[in-house]
């Protein structure tokens, strides 16, 4: 049960990306292009700030869309009051601590594979230039970053959808 619970959010996130590729990749293309061109061109401070603000705004928009689809429009949790939602989150963390720890380990593994290896190990083993960094940052902004954001929203969704173990069972 622990492994299944831990793997639930990343599986859900993959399914979400498959169901909404235009939204996910369309919005992620903006930061990807910004990072790609930022590695290959010189920008003044004002333009750099403008691009960073645009990247942040697009990422927030992606989060807002995912939350709307995954949580707000979900009939079982979309109308939960704040205290009820908070209680469900607290109950889930108390009941599934090992699954949450395993999921955290999986996220750390993703970080190692997608961040440390290409950003630390590869440059230590071979010379890399601006095109390497531009391509790496563009690919990460199209894949790893949106997937991780969706995964984390999926983890909250999972906790909100978890059944309350103390709820009265139906009469027989």
C-alpha atoms as a PDB file:
ATOM      1  CA  UNK A   1       0.000   0.000   0.000  1.00  0.00           C
ATOM      2  CA  UNK A   2       2.849   2.425   0.786  1.00  0.00           C
ATOM      3  CA  UNK A   3       4.461   2.040  -2.650  1.00  0.00           C
ATOM      4  CA  UNK A   4       1.127   2.346  -4.410  1.00  0.00           C
ATOM      5  CA  UNK A   5       0.295   5.488  -2.429  1.00  0.00           C
ATOM      6  CA  UNK A   6       3.735   6.990  -3.117  1.00  0.00           C
ATOM      7  CA  UNK A   7       3.509   6.281  -6.848  1.00  0.00           C
ATOM      8  CA  UNK A   8      -0.028   7.637  -7.149  1.00  0.00           C
ATOM      9  CA  UNK A   9       0.833  11.325  -7.677  1.00  0.00           C
ATOM     10  CA  UNK A  10       3.600  10.840 -10.264  1.00  0.00           C
ATOM     11  CA  UNK A  11       1.362   8.397 -12.184  1.00  0.00           C
ATOM     12  CA  UNK A  12      -1.483  10.875 -12.001  1.00  0.00           C
ATOM     13  CA  UNK A  13       0.859  13.663 -13.161  1.00  0.00           C
ATOM     14  CA  UNK A  14       1.932  11.632 -16.204  1.00  0.00           C
ATOM     15  CA  UNK A  15      -1.728  11.009 -17.029  1.00  0.00           C
ATOM     16  CA  UNK A  16      -2.514  14.692 -16.593  1.00  0.00           C
ATOM     17  CA  UNK A  17       0.245  15.641 -19.035  1.00  0.00           C
ATOM     18  CA  UNK A  18      -1.075  13.047 -21.517  1.00  0.00           C
ATOM     19  CA  UNK A  19      -4.636  14.420 -21.168  1.00  0.00           C
ATOM     20  CA  UNK A  20      -3.615  18.093 -21.416  1.00  0.00           C
ATOM     21  CA  UNK A  21      -0.461  18.256 -23.565  1.00  0.00           C
ATOM     22  CA  UNK A  22      -1.363  21.469 -25.370  1.00  0.00           C
ATOM     23  CA  UNK A  23      -1.902  23.343 -22.101  1.00  0.00           C
ATOM     24  CA  UNK A  24       1.173  21.923 -20.352  1.00  0.00           C
ATOM     25  CA  UNK A  25       3.625  22.191 -23.229  1.00  0.00           C
ATOM     26  CA  UNK A  26       2.099  25.363 -24.658  1.00  0.00           C
ATOM     27  CA  UNK A  27       2.522  27.251 -21.397  1.00  0.00           C
ATOM     28  CA  UNK A  28       5.892  25.628 -20.703  1.00  0.00           C
ATOM     29  CA  UNK A  29       7.164  26.722 -24.086  1.00  0.00           C
ATOM     30  CA  UNK A  30       7.316  30.342 -22.892  1.00  0.00           C
ATOM     31  CA  UNK A  31       9.839  29.680 -20.074  1.00  0.00           C
ATOM     32  CA  UNK A  32      11.684  27.191 -22.299  1.00  0.00           C
ATOM     33  CA  UNK A  33      12.193  29.786 -25.020  1.00  0.00           C
ATOM     34  CA  UNK A  34      13.135  32.417 -22.449  1.00  0.00           C
ATOM     35  CA  UNK A  35      15.776  30.160 -20.914  1.00  0.00           C
ATOM     36  CA  UNK A  36      17.068  29.025 -24.308  1.00  0.00           C
ATOM     37  CA  UNK A  37      17.464  32.539 -25.702  1.00  0.00           C
ATOM     38  CA  UNK A  38      18.765  33.833 -22.382  1.00  0.00           C
ATOM     39  CA  UNK A  39      21.760  31.523 -22.652  1.00  0.00           C
ATOM     40  CA  UNK A  40      22.568  32.574 -26.189  1.00  0.00           C
ATOM     41  CA  UNK A  41      21.935  36.328 -26.152  1.00  0.00           C
ATOM     42  CA  UNK A  42      22.954  39.315 -24.075  1.00  0.00           C
ATOM     43  CA  UNK A  43      20.113  41.115 -22.301  1.00  0.00           C
ATOM     44  CA  UNK A  44      20.012  44.334 -20.410  1.00  0.00           C
ATOM     45  CA  UNK A  45      18.762  44.321 -16.810  1.00  0.00           C
ATOM     46  CA  UNK A  46      15.290  45.648 -17.684  1.00  0.00           C
ATOM     47  CA  UNK A  47      14.736  43.039 -20.391  1.00  0.00           C
ATOM     48  CA  UNK A  48      16.071  40.298 -18.118  1.00  0.00           C
ATOM     49  CA  UNK A  49      13.631  41.278 -15.373  1.00  0.00           C
ATOM     50  CA  UNK A  50      10.761  41.456 -17.860  1.00  0.00           C
ATOM     51  CA  UNK A  51      11.511  37.947 -19.100  1.00  0.00           C
ATOM     52  CA  UNK A  52      11.804  36.588 -15.545  1.00  0.00           C
ATOM     53  CA  UNK A  53       8.447  38.134 -14.609  1.00  0.00           C
ATOM     54  CA  UNK A  54       6.895  36.648 -17.748  1.00  0.00           C
ATOM     55  CA  UNK A  55       8.314  33.213 -16.898  1.00  0.00           C
ATOM     56  CA  UNK A  56       6.967  33.435 -13.361  1.00  0.00           C
ATOM     57  CA  UNK A  57       3.540  34.581 -14.579  1.00  0.00           C
ATOM     58  CA  UNK A  58       3.280  31.707 -17.057  1.00  0.00           C
ATOM     59  CA  UNK A  59       4.296  29.158 -14.415  1.00  0.00           C
ATOM     60  CA  UNK A  60       1.693  30.564 -12.022  1.00  0.00           C
ATOM     61  CA  UNK A  61      -0.874  30.350 -14.803  1.00  0.00           C
ATOM     62  CA  UNK A  62       0.006  26.682 -15.350  1.00  0.00           C
ATOM     63  CA  UNK A  63      -0.376  26.011 -11.613  1.00  0.00           C
ATOM     64  CA  UNK A  64      -3.723  27.824 -11.594  1.00  0.00           C
ATOM     65  CA  UNK A  65      -5.014  25.772 -14.536  1.00  0.00           C
ATOM     66  CA  UNK A  66      -3.849  22.490 -13.017  1.00  0.00           C
ATOM     67  CA  UNK A  67      -5.384  23.339  -9.620  1.00  0.00           C
ATOM     68  CA  UNK A  68      -8.631  24.278 -11.321  1.00  0.00           C
ATOM     69  CA  UNK A  69      -8.827  21.036 -13.286  1.00  0.00           C
ATOM     70  CA  UNK A  70      -7.408  18.707 -10.629  1.00  0.00           C
ATOM     71  CA  UNK A  71      -8.949  20.106  -7.464  1.00  0.00           C
ATOM     72  CA  UNK A  72     -11.549  22.832  -7.965  1.00  0.00           C
ATOM     73  CA  UNK A  73     -13.447  21.012 -10.725  1.00  0.00           C
ATOM     74  CA  UNK A  74     -13.139  17.619  -8.974  1.00  0.00           C
ATOM     75  CA  UNK A  75     -16.673  16.926  -7.662  1.00  0.00           C
ATOM     76  CA  UNK A  76     -15.445  15.089  -4.561  1.00  0.00           C
ATOM     77  CA  UNK A  77     -13.181  17.885  -3.337  1.00  0.00           C
ATOM     78  CA  UNK A  78     -13.942  21.043  -5.282  1.00  0.00           C
ATOM     79  CA  UNK A  79     -16.399  22.427  -2.744  1.00  0.00           C
ATOM     80  CA  UNK A  80     -14.576  21.470   0.445  1.00  0.00           C
ATOM     81  CA  UNK A  81     -14.366  24.145   3.106  1.00  0.00           C
ATOM     82  CA  UNK A  82     -10.898  25.168   4.231  1.00  0.00           C
ATOM     83  CA  UNK A  83     -11.117  23.459   7.608  1.00  0.00           C
ATOM     84  CA  UNK A  84     -12.334  20.208   6.027  1.00  0.00           C
ATOM     85  CA  UNK A  85      -9.573  20.306   3.429  1.00  0.00           C
ATOM     86  CA  UNK A  86      -6.992  21.066   6.117  1.00  0.00           C
ATOM     87  CA  UNK A  87      -8.270  18.171   8.208  1.00  0.00           C
ATOM     88  CA  UNK A  88      -8.004  15.780   5.272  1.00  0.00           C
ATOM     89  CA  UNK A  89      -4.465  16.915   4.538  1.00  0.00           C
ATOM     90  CA  UNK A  90      -3.491  16.456   8.178  1.00  0.00           C
ATOM     91  CA  UNK A  91      -5.106  13.009   8.396  1.00  0.00           C
ATOM     92  CA  UNK A  92      -3.388  11.901   5.207  1.00  0.00           C
ATOM     93  CA  UNK A  93       0.041  12.981   6.433  1.00  0.00           C
ATOM     94  CA  UNK A  94      -0.520  11.196   9.739  1.00  0.00           C
ATOM     95  CA  UNK A  95      -1.672   7.948   8.107  1.00  0.00           C
ATOM     96  CA  UNK A  96       0.752   7.871   5.188  1.00  0.00           C
ATOM     97  CA  UNK A  97       4.055   9.172   6.536  1.00  0.00           C
ATOM     98  CA  UNK A  98       6.075   6.356   4.956  1.00  0.00           C
ATOM     99  CA  UNK A  99       4.460   6.895   1.559  1.00  0.00           C
ATOM    100  CA  UNK A 100       5.179  10.620   1.796  1.00  0.00           C
ATOM    101  CA  UNK A 101       8.805   9.861   2.720  1.00  0.00           C
ATOM    102  CA  UNK A 102       9.085   7.492  -0.243  1.00  0.00           C
ATOM    103  CA  UNK A 103       7.540  10.078  -2.546  1.00  0.00           C
ATOM    104  CA  UNK A 104      10.023  12.656  -1.255  1.00  0.00           C
ATOM    105  CA  UNK A 105      12.814  10.186  -2.041  1.00  0.00           C
ATOM    106  CA  UNK A 106      11.446   9.820  -5.572  1.00  0.00           C
ATOM    107  CA  UNK A 107      11.425  13.609  -5.977  1.00  0.00           C
ATOM    108  CA  UNK A 108      15.031  13.759  -4.770  1.00  0.00           C
ATOM    109  CA  UNK A 109      15.878  11.053  -7.315  1.00  0.00           C
ATOM    110  CA  UNK A 110      14.259  13.108 -10.057  1.00  0.00           C
ATOM    111  CA  UNK A 111      16.297  16.118  -8.903  1.00  0.00           C
ATOM    112  CA  UNK A 112      19.528  14.106  -9.040  1.00  0.00           C
ATOM    113  CA  UNK A 113      18.776  12.742 -12.521  1.00  0.00           C
ATOM    114  CA  UNK A 114      17.446  15.962 -14.016  1.00  0.00           C
ATOM    115  CA  UNK A 115      19.541  18.548 -12.231  1.00  0.00           C
ATOM    116  CA  UNK A 116      22.749  17.282 -10.667  1.00  0.00           C
ATOM    117  CA  UNK A 117      23.743  14.904 -13.461  1.00  0.00           C
ATOM    118  CA  UNK A 118      23.336  17.308 -16.400  1.00  0.00           C
ATOM    119  CA  UNK A 119      24.391  20.439 -14.506  1.00  0.00           C
ATOM    120  CA  UNK A 120      27.299  19.095 -12.438  1.00  0.00           C
ATOM    121  CA  UNK A 121      28.460  15.703 -13.681  1.00  0.00           C
ATOM    122  CA  UNK A 122      28.342  16.228 -17.456  1.00  0.00           C
ATOM    123  CA  UNK A 123      30.256  19.546 -17.364  1.00  0.00           C
ATOM    124  CA  UNK A 124      32.812  17.950 -15.049  1.00  0.00           C
ATOM    125  CA  UNK A 125      33.410  15.144 -17.563  1.00  0.00           C
ATOM    126  CA  UNK A 126      33.366  17.071 -20.807  1.00  0.00           C
ATOM    127  CA  UNK A 127      33.531  20.688 -21.963  1.00  0.00           C
ATOM    128  CA  UNK A 128      30.110  22.221 -22.586  1.00  0.00           C
ATOM    129  CA  UNK A 129      29.220  25.499 -24.206  1.00  0.00           C
ATOM    130  CA  UNK A 130      26.340  27.940 -24.324  1.00  0.00           C
ATOM    131  CA  UNK A 131      24.308  25.744 -26.690  1.00  0.00           C
ATOM    132  CA  UNK A 132      24.459  22.863 -24.183  1.00  0.00           C
ATOM    133  CA  UNK A 133      23.145  25.089 -21.386  1.00  0.00           C
ATOM    134  CA  UNK A 134      20.492  26.646 -23.615  1.00  0.00           C
ATOM    135  CA  UNK A 135      19.229  23.249 -24.739  1.00  0.00           C
ATOM    136  CA  UNK A 136      19.352  21.771 -21.236  1.00  0.00           C
ATOM    137  CA  UNK A 137      17.387  24.643 -19.721  1.00  0.00           C
ATOM    138  CA  UNK A 138      14.823  24.588 -22.520  1.00  0.00           C
ATOM    139  CA  UNK A 139      14.273  20.839 -22.168  1.00  0.00           C
ATOM    140  CA  UNK A 140      13.959  21.062 -18.383  1.00  0.00           C
ATOM    141  CA  UNK A 141      11.455  23.908 -18.689  1.00  0.00           C
ATOM    142  CA  UNK A 142       9.364  21.805 -21.069  1.00  0.00           C
ATOM    143  CA  UNK A 143       9.520  18.584 -19.059  1.00  0.00           C
ATOM    144  CA  UNK A 144      10.921  18.349 -15.558  1.00  0.00           C
ATOM    145  CA  UNK A 145       9.695  21.649 -14.138  1.00  0.00           C
ATOM    146  CA  UNK A 146       6.042  21.401 -15.244  1.00  0.00           C
ATOM    147  CA  UNK A 147       5.932  17.690 -14.397  1.00  0.00           C
ATOM    148  CA  UNK A 148       7.211  18.377 -10.879  1.00  0.00           C
ATOM    149  CA  UNK A 149       4.662  21.143 -10.342  1.00  0.00           C
ATOM    150  CA  UNK A 150       1.854  18.880 -11.560  1.00  0.00           C
ATOM    151  CA  UNK A 151       3.155  16.017  -9.388  1.00  0.00           C
ATOM    152  CA  UNK A 152       3.038  18.195  -6.272  1.00  0.00           C
ATOM    153  CA  UNK A 153      -0.506  19.326  -7.067  1.00  0.00           C
ATOM    154  CA  UNK A 154      -1.356  15.659  -7.597  1.00  0.00           C
ATOM    155  CA  UNK A 155      -0.015  14.863  -4.132  1.00  0.00           C
ATOM    156  CA  UNK A 156      -2.354  17.444  -2.592  1.00  0.00           C
ATOM    157  CA  UNK A 157      -5.208  16.073  -4.715  1.00  0.00           C
ATOM    158  CA  UNK A 158      -4.463  12.553  -3.514  1.00  0.00           C
ATOM    159  CA  UNK A 159      -4.580  13.650   0.117  1.00  0.00           C
ATOM    160  CA  UNK A 160      -7.836  15.533  -0.373  1.00  0.00           C
ATOM    161  CA  UNK A 161      -9.451  12.531  -2.074  1.00  0.00           C
ATOM    162  CA  UNK A 162      -8.325  10.018   0.579  1.00  0.00           C
ATOM    163  CA  UNK A 163     -11.243   8.513   2.455  1.00  0.00           C
ATOM    164  CA  UNK A 164     -11.717   9.486   6.065  1.00  0.00           C
ATOM    165  CA  UNK A 165     -11.027   6.332   8.123  1.00  0.00           C
ATOM    166  CA  UNK A 166     -13.167   7.647  10.943  1.00  0.00           C
ATOM    167  CA  UNK A 167     -16.216   8.233   8.777  1.00  0.00           C
ATOM    168  CA  UNK A 168     -19.169   6.112   9.769  1.00  0.00           C
ATOM    169  CA  UNK A 169     -19.512   3.020   7.664  1.00  0.00           C
ATOM    170  CA  UNK A 170     -22.865   2.585   5.943  1.00  0.00           C
ATOM    171  CA  UNK A 171     -25.481   0.517   7.712  1.00  0.00           C
ATOM    172  CA  UNK A 172     -25.817  -3.018   6.504  1.00  0.00           C
END
